[in-house]
Amino acid sequence: FIMNNSEAKAMILGEEFLDVVAPVM
C-alpha cells in the first residue's frame, strides 16, 4: 500500500526484509 500510494520508484531495504518484500514486490 505504501509503495503504491507514495508512487515510490525505488526501494532500499535490508537483507532481513527479503522474505516480507519478495512476495509483494
PDB file of all heavy atoms in Angstrom:
ATOM      1  N   PHE A   1       0.830  -1.204   0.000  1.00  0.00           N
ATOM      2  CA  PHE A   1       0.000   0.000   0.000  1.00  0.00           C
ATOM      3  C   PHE A   1       0.865   1.254   0.000  1.00  0.00           C
ATOM      4  O   PHE A   1       0.660   2.172  -0.796  1.00  0.00           O
ATOM      5  CB  PHE A   1      -0.954   0.022   1.206  1.00  0.00           C
ATOM      6  CG  PHE A   1      -1.673   1.335   1.333  1.00  0.00           C
ATOM      7  CD1 PHE A   1      -2.791   1.600   0.547  1.00  0.00           C
ATOM      8  CD2 PHE A   1      -1.208   2.332   2.184  1.00  0.00           C
ATOM      9  CE1 PHE A   1      -3.432   2.833   0.622  1.00  0.00           C
ATOM     10  CE2 PHE A   1      -1.842   3.565   2.267  1.00  0.00           C
ATOM     11  CZ  PHE A   1      -2.960   3.807   1.486  1.00  0.00           C
ATOM     12  N   ILE A   2       1.860   1.312   0.892  1.00  0.00           N
ATOM     13  CA  ILE A   2       2.710   2.500   0.999  1.00  0.00           C
ATOM     14  C   ILE A   2       3.507   2.707  -0.286  1.00  0.00           C
ATOM     15  O   ILE A   2       3.621   3.831  -0.779  1.00  0.00           O
ATOM     16  CB  ILE A   2       3.633   2.400   2.227  1.00  0.00           C
ATOM     17  CG1 ILE A   2       2.785   2.567   3.501  1.00  0.00           C
ATOM     18  CG2 ILE A   2       4.752   3.436   2.175  1.00  0.00           C
ATOM     19  CD1 ILE A   2       3.534   2.298   4.787  1.00  0.00           C
ATOM     20  N   MET A   3       4.034   1.628  -0.846  1.00  0.00           N
ATOM     21  CA  MET A   3       4.804   1.742  -2.089  1.00  0.00           C
ATOM     22  C   MET A   3       3.947   2.316  -3.217  1.00  0.00           C
ATOM     23  O   MET A   3       4.388   3.203  -3.945  1.00  0.00           O
ATOM     24  CB  MET A   3       5.372   0.379  -2.496  1.00  0.00           C
ATOM     25  CG  MET A   3       6.450  -0.148  -1.571  1.00  0.00           C
ATOM     26  SD  MET A   3       7.934   0.871  -1.546  1.00  0.00           S
ATOM     27  CE  MET A   3       8.560   0.604  -3.202  1.00  0.00           C
ATOM     28  N   ASN A   4       2.739   1.817  -3.359  1.00  0.00           N
ATOM     29  CA  ASN A   4       1.879   2.283  -4.447  1.00  0.00           C
ATOM     30  C   ASN A   4       1.291   3.659  -4.171  1.00  0.00           C
ATOM     31  O   ASN A   4       1.225   4.507  -5.062  1.00  0.00           O
ATOM     32  CB  ASN A   4       0.776   1.264  -4.721  1.00  0.00           C
ATOM     33  CG  ASN A   4       1.332  -0.007  -5.317  1.00  0.00           C
ATOM     34  OD1 ASN A   4       2.400  -0.009  -5.937  1.00  0.00           O
ATOM     35  ND2 ASN A   4       0.645  -1.114  -5.110  1.00  0.00           N
ATOM     36  N   ASN A   5       0.887   3.902  -2.939  1.00  0.00           N
ATOM     37  CA  ASN A   5       0.304   5.190  -2.594  1.00  0.00           C
ATOM     38  C   ASN A   5       1.323   6.312  -2.711  1.00  0.00           C
ATOM     39  O   ASN A   5       1.001   7.409  -3.167  1.00  0.00           O
ATOM     40  CB  ASN A   5      -0.276   5.130  -1.178  1.00  0.00           C
ATOM     41  CG  ASN A   5      -0.970   6.409  -0.801  1.00  0.00           C
ATOM     42  OD1 ASN A   5      -0.382   7.270  -0.153  1.00  0.00           O
ATOM     43  ND2 ASN A   5      -2.218   6.546  -1.220  1.00  0.00           N
ATOM     44  N   SER A   6       2.559   6.046  -2.329  1.00  0.00           N
ATOM     45  CA  SER A   6       3.606   7.079  -2.394  1.00  0.00           C
ATOM     46  C   SER A   6       4.192   7.222  -3.791  1.00  0.00           C
ATOM     47  O   SER A   6       4.899   8.173  -4.071  1.00  0.00           O
ATOM     48  CB  SER A   6       4.744   6.736  -1.425  1.00  0.00           C
ATOM     49  OG  SER A   6       5.466   5.603  -1.879  1.00  0.00           O
ATOM     50  N   GLU A   7       3.901   6.259  -4.656  1.00  0.00           N
ATOM     51  CA  GLU A   7       4.460   6.214  -6.013  1.00  0.00           C
ATOM     52  C   GLU A   7       5.984   6.137  -5.979  1.00  0.00           C
ATOM     53  O   GLU A   7       6.674   6.701  -6.836  1.00  0.00           O
ATOM     54  CB  GLU A   7       3.978   7.409  -6.845  1.00  0.00           C
ATOM     55  CG  GLU A   7       2.471   7.436  -7.026  1.00  0.00           C
ATOM     56  CD  GLU A   7       1.966   8.606  -7.854  1.00  0.00           C
ATOM     57  OE1 GLU A   7       2.796   9.396  -8.372  1.00  0.00           O
ATOM     58  OE2 GLU A   7       0.736   8.720  -7.989  1.00  0.00           O
ATOM     59  N   ALA A   8       6.511   5.403  -4.993  1.00  0.00           N
ATOM     60  CA  ALA A   8       7.957   5.214  -4.874  1.00  0.00           C
ATOM     61  C   ALA A   8       8.484   4.508  -6.116  1.00  0.00           C
ATOM     62  O   ALA A   8       7.900   3.531  -6.582  1.00  0.00           O
ATOM     63  CB  ALA A   8       8.281   4.403  -3.626  1.00  0.00           C
ATOM     64  N   LYS A   9       9.603   5.006  -6.638  1.00  0.00           N
ATOM     65  CA  LYS A   9      10.200   4.445  -7.850  1.00  0.00           C
ATOM     66  C   LYS A   9      11.354   3.498  -7.550  1.00  0.00           C
ATOM     67  O   LYS A   9      11.878   2.857  -8.459  1.00  0.00           O
ATOM     68  CB  LYS A   9      10.672   5.566  -8.770  1.00  0.00           C
ATOM     69  CG  LYS A   9       9.516   6.349  -9.345  1.00  0.00           C
ATOM     70  CD  LYS A   9       9.979   7.306 -10.406  1.00  0.00           C
ATOM     71  CE  LYS A   9       8.777   8.013 -11.019  1.00  0.00           C
ATOM     72  NZ  LYS A   9       9.181   8.936 -12.064  1.00  0.00           N
ATOM     73  N   ALA A  10      11.762   3.440  -6.297  1.00  0.00           N
ATOM     74  CA  ALA A  10      12.856   2.545  -5.895  1.00  0.00           C
ATOM     75  C   ALA A  10      12.658   2.180  -4.438  1.00  0.00           C
ATOM     76  O   ALA A  10      11.901   2.842  -3.718  1.00  0.00           O
ATOM     77  CB  ALA A  10      14.207   3.227  -6.100  1.00  0.00           C
ATOM     78  N   MET A  11      13.346   1.120  -4.020  1.00  0.00           N
ATOM     79  CA  MET A  11      13.294   0.706  -2.625  1.00  0.00           C
ATOM     80  C   MET A  11      14.676   0.277  -2.182  1.00  0.00           C
ATOM     81  O   MET A  11      15.343  -0.507  -2.862  1.00  0.00           O
ATOM     82  CB  MET A  11      12.304  -0.447  -2.424  1.00  0.00           C
ATOM     83  CG  MET A  11      12.265  -0.973  -0.991  1.00  0.00           C
ATOM     84  SD  MET A  11      11.079  -2.306  -0.773  1.00  0.00           S
ATOM     85  CE  MET A  11       9.997  -1.543   0.432  1.00  0.00           C
ATOM     86  N   ILE A  12      15.096   0.796  -1.036  1.00  0.00           N
ATOM     87  CA  ILE A  12      16.346   0.384  -0.402  1.00  0.00           C
ATOM     88  C   ILE A  12      15.942  -0.382   0.844  1.00  0.00           C
ATOM     89  O   ILE A  12      15.226   0.149   1.699  1.00  0.00           O
ATOM     90  CB  ILE A  12      17.215   1.600  -0.044  1.00  0.00           C
ATOM     91  CG1 ILE A  12      17.561   2.377  -1.317  1.00  0.00           C
ATOM     92  CG2 ILE A  12      18.466   1.164   0.696  1.00  0.00           C
ATOM     93  CD1 ILE A  12      18.258   3.694  -1.082  1.00  0.00           C
ATOM     94  N   LEU A  13      16.365  -1.636   0.935  1.00  0.00           N
ATOM     95  CA  LEU A  13      15.941  -2.457   2.058  1.00  0.00           C
ATOM     96  C   LEU A  13      17.075  -3.312   2.589  1.00  0.00           C
ATOM     97  O   LEU A  13      18.004  -3.660   1.857  1.00  0.00           O
ATOM     98  CB  LEU A  13      14.761  -3.354   1.669  1.00  0.00           C
ATOM     99  CG  LEU A  13      14.985  -4.430   0.624  1.00  0.00           C
ATOM    100  CD1 LEU A  13      14.062  -5.605   0.889  1.00  0.00           C
ATOM    101  CD2 LEU A  13      14.712  -3.885  -0.769  1.00  0.00           C
ATOM    102  N   GLY A  14      16.962  -3.630   3.867  1.00  0.00           N
ATOM    103  CA  GLY A  14      17.912  -4.540   4.481  1.00  0.00           C
ATOM    104  C   GLY A  14      17.627  -5.958   4.047  1.00  0.00           C
ATOM    105  O   GLY A  14      16.468  -6.319   3.802  1.00  0.00           O
ATOM    106  N   GLU A  15      18.669  -6.763   3.955  1.00  0.00           N
ATOM    107  CA  GLU A  15      18.506  -8.144   3.512  1.00  0.00           C
ATOM    108  C   GLU A  15      17.534  -8.922   4.393  1.00  0.00           C
ATOM    109  O   GLU A  15      16.886  -9.866   3.920  1.00  0.00           O
ATOM    110  CB  GLU A  15      19.858  -8.854   3.462  1.00  0.00           C
ATOM    111  CG  GLU A  15      20.519  -9.030   4.817  1.00  0.00           C
ATOM    112  CD  GLU A  15      21.911  -9.635   4.726  1.00  0.00           C
ATOM    113  OE1 GLU A  15      22.245 -10.270   3.721  1.00  0.00           O
ATOM    114  OE2 GLU A  15      22.666  -9.444   5.690  1.00  0.00           O
ATOM    115  N   GLU A  16      17.391  -8.527   5.650  1.00  0.00           N
ATOM    116  CA  GLU A  16      16.493  -9.226   6.567  1.00  0.00           C
ATOM    117  C   GLU A  16      15.018  -9.057   6.202  1.00  0.00           C
ATOM    118  O   GLU A  16      14.161  -9.756   6.735  1.00  0.00           O
ATOM    119  CB  GLU A  16      16.757  -8.788   8.013  1.00  0.00           C
ATOM    120  CG  GLU A  16      16.436  -7.344   8.326  1.00  0.00           C
ATOM    121  CD  GLU A  16      17.587  -6.363   8.072  1.00  0.00           C
ATOM    122  OE1 GLU A  16      18.470  -6.638   7.232  1.00  0.00           O
ATOM    123  OE2 GLU A  16      17.595  -5.308   8.705  1.00  0.00           O
ATOM    124  N   PHE A  17      14.707  -8.143   5.279  1.00  0.00           N
ATOM    125  CA  PHE A  17      13.319  -7.907   4.877  1.00  0.00           C
ATOM    126  C   PHE A  17      12.952  -8.579   3.551  1.00  0.00           C
ATOM    127  O   PHE A  17      11.844  -8.399   3.056  1.00  0.00           O
ATOM    128  CB  PHE A  17      13.049  -6.402   4.805  1.00  0.00           C
ATOM    129  CG  PHE A  17      13.274  -5.717   6.114  1.00  0.00           C
ATOM    130  CD1 PHE A  17      14.333  -4.840   6.274  1.00  0.00           C
ATOM    131  CD2 PHE A  17      12.453  -5.965   7.197  1.00  0.00           C
ATOM    132  CE1 PHE A  17      14.570  -4.220   7.486  1.00  0.00           C
ATOM    133  CE2 PHE A  17      12.673  -5.350   8.417  1.00  0.00           C
ATOM    134  CZ  PHE A  17      13.735  -4.472   8.563  1.00  0.00           C
ATOM    135  N   LEU A  18      13.857  -9.342   2.986  1.00  0.00           N
ATOM    136  CA  LEU A  18      13.579 -10.014   1.710  1.00  0.00           C
ATOM    137  C   LEU A  18      12.345 -10.902   1.785  1.00  0.00           C
ATOM    138  O   LEU A  18      11.530 -10.917   0.866  1.00  0.00           O
ATOM    139  CB  LEU A  18      14.788 -10.831   1.262  1.00  0.00           C
ATOM    140  CG  LEU A  18      15.930 -10.041   0.645  1.00  0.00           C
ATOM    141  CD1 LEU A  18      17.165 -10.913   0.494  1.00  0.00           C
ATOM    142  CD2 LEU A  18      15.513  -9.447  -0.678  1.00  0.00           C
ATOM    143  N   ASP A  19      12.189 -11.638   2.864  1.00  0.00           N
ATOM    144  CA  ASP A  19      11.048 -12.552   2.992  1.00  0.00           C
ATOM    145  C   ASP A  19       9.714 -11.820   3.032  1.00  0.00           C
ATOM    146  O   ASP A  19       8.698 -12.353   2.608  1.00  0.00           O
ATOM    147  CB  ASP A  19      11.195 -13.417   4.249  1.00  0.00           C
ATOM    148  CG  ASP A  19      12.338 -14.415   4.151  1.00  0.00           C
ATOM    149  OD1 ASP A  19      12.816 -14.686   3.024  1.00  0.00           O
ATOM    150  OD2 ASP A  19      12.764 -14.933   5.208  1.00  0.00           O
ATOM    151  N   VAL A  20       9.688 -10.592   3.526  1.00  0.00           N
ATOM    152  CA  VAL A  20       8.453  -9.806   3.601  1.00  0.00           C
ATOM    153  C   VAL A  20       8.165  -9.122   2.263  1.00  0.00           C
ATOM    154  O   VAL A  20       7.020  -9.068   1.819  1.00  0.00           O
ATOM    155  CB  VAL A  20       8.543  -8.750   4.727  1.00  0.00           C
ATOM    156  CG1 VAL A  20       7.321  -7.864   4.755  1.00  0.00           C
ATOM    157  CG2 VAL A  20       8.739  -9.414   6.071  1.00  0.00           C
ATOM    158  N   VAL A  21       9.222  -8.609   1.616  1.00  0.00           N
ATOM    159  CA  VAL A  21       9.046  -7.826   0.390  1.00  0.00           C
ATOM    160  C   VAL A  21       8.884  -8.704  -0.854  1.00  0.00           C
ATOM    161  O   VAL A  21       8.070  -8.400  -1.727  1.00  0.00           O
ATOM    162  CB  VAL A  21      10.226  -6.837   0.218  1.00  0.00           C
ATOM    163  CG1 VAL A  21      10.187  -6.160  -1.148  1.00  0.00           C
ATOM    164  CG2 VAL A  21      10.201  -5.798   1.331  1.00  0.00           C
ATOM    165  N   ALA A  22       9.637  -9.789  -0.944  1.00  0.00           N
ATOM    166  CA  ALA A  22       9.634 -10.619  -2.164  1.00  0.00           C
ATOM    167  C   ALA A  22       8.232 -11.047  -2.615  1.00  0.00           C
ATOM    168  O   ALA A  22       7.931 -10.955  -3.813  1.00  0.00           O
ATOM    169  CB  ALA A  22      10.544 -11.832  -1.988  1.00  0.00           C
ATOM    170  N   PRO A  23       7.336 -11.483  -1.723  1.00  0.00           N
ATOM    171  CA  PRO A  23       6.006 -11.906  -2.189  1.00  0.00           C
ATOM    172  C   PRO A  23       5.145 -10.791  -2.782  1.00  0.00           C
ATOM    173  O   PRO A  23       4.213 -11.067  -3.526  1.00  0.00           O
ATOM    174  CB  PRO A  23       5.344 -12.474  -0.924  1.00  0.00           C
ATOM    175  CG  PRO A  23       6.459 -12.798  -0.002  1.00  0.00           C
ATOM    176  CD  PRO A  23       7.527 -11.781  -0.296  1.00  0.00           C
ATOM    177  N   VAL A  24       5.437  -9.526  -2.458  1.00  0.00           N
ATOM    178  CA  VAL A  24       4.587  -8.431  -2.942  1.00  0.00           C
ATOM    179  C   VAL A  24       5.299  -7.475  -3.897  1.00  0.00           C
ATOM    180  O   VAL A  24       4.667  -6.575  -4.455  1.00  0.00           O
ATOM    181  CB  VAL A  24       3.984  -7.627  -1.760  1.00  0.00           C
ATOM    182  CG1 VAL A  24       3.018  -8.479  -0.958  1.00  0.00           C
ATOM    183  CG2 VAL A  24       5.066  -7.035  -0.876  1.00  0.00           C
ATOM    184  N   MET A  25       6.581  -7.663  -4.111  1.00  0.00           N
ATOM    185  CA  MET A  25       7.334  -6.676  -4.901  1.00  0.00           C
ATOM    186  C   MET A  25       6.846  -6.532  -6.333  1.00  0.00           C
ATOM    187  O   MET A  25       6.945  -5.451  -6.902  1.00  0.00           O
ATOM    188  CB  MET A  25       8.835  -6.963  -4.863  1.00  0.00           C
ATOM    189  CG  MET A  25       9.235  -8.265  -5.475  1.00  0.00           C
ATOM    190  SD  MET A  25      10.985  -8.627  -5.240  1.00  0.00           S
ATOM    191  CE  MET A  25      11.669  -7.841  -6.688  1.00  0.00           C
TER     192      MET A  25
END
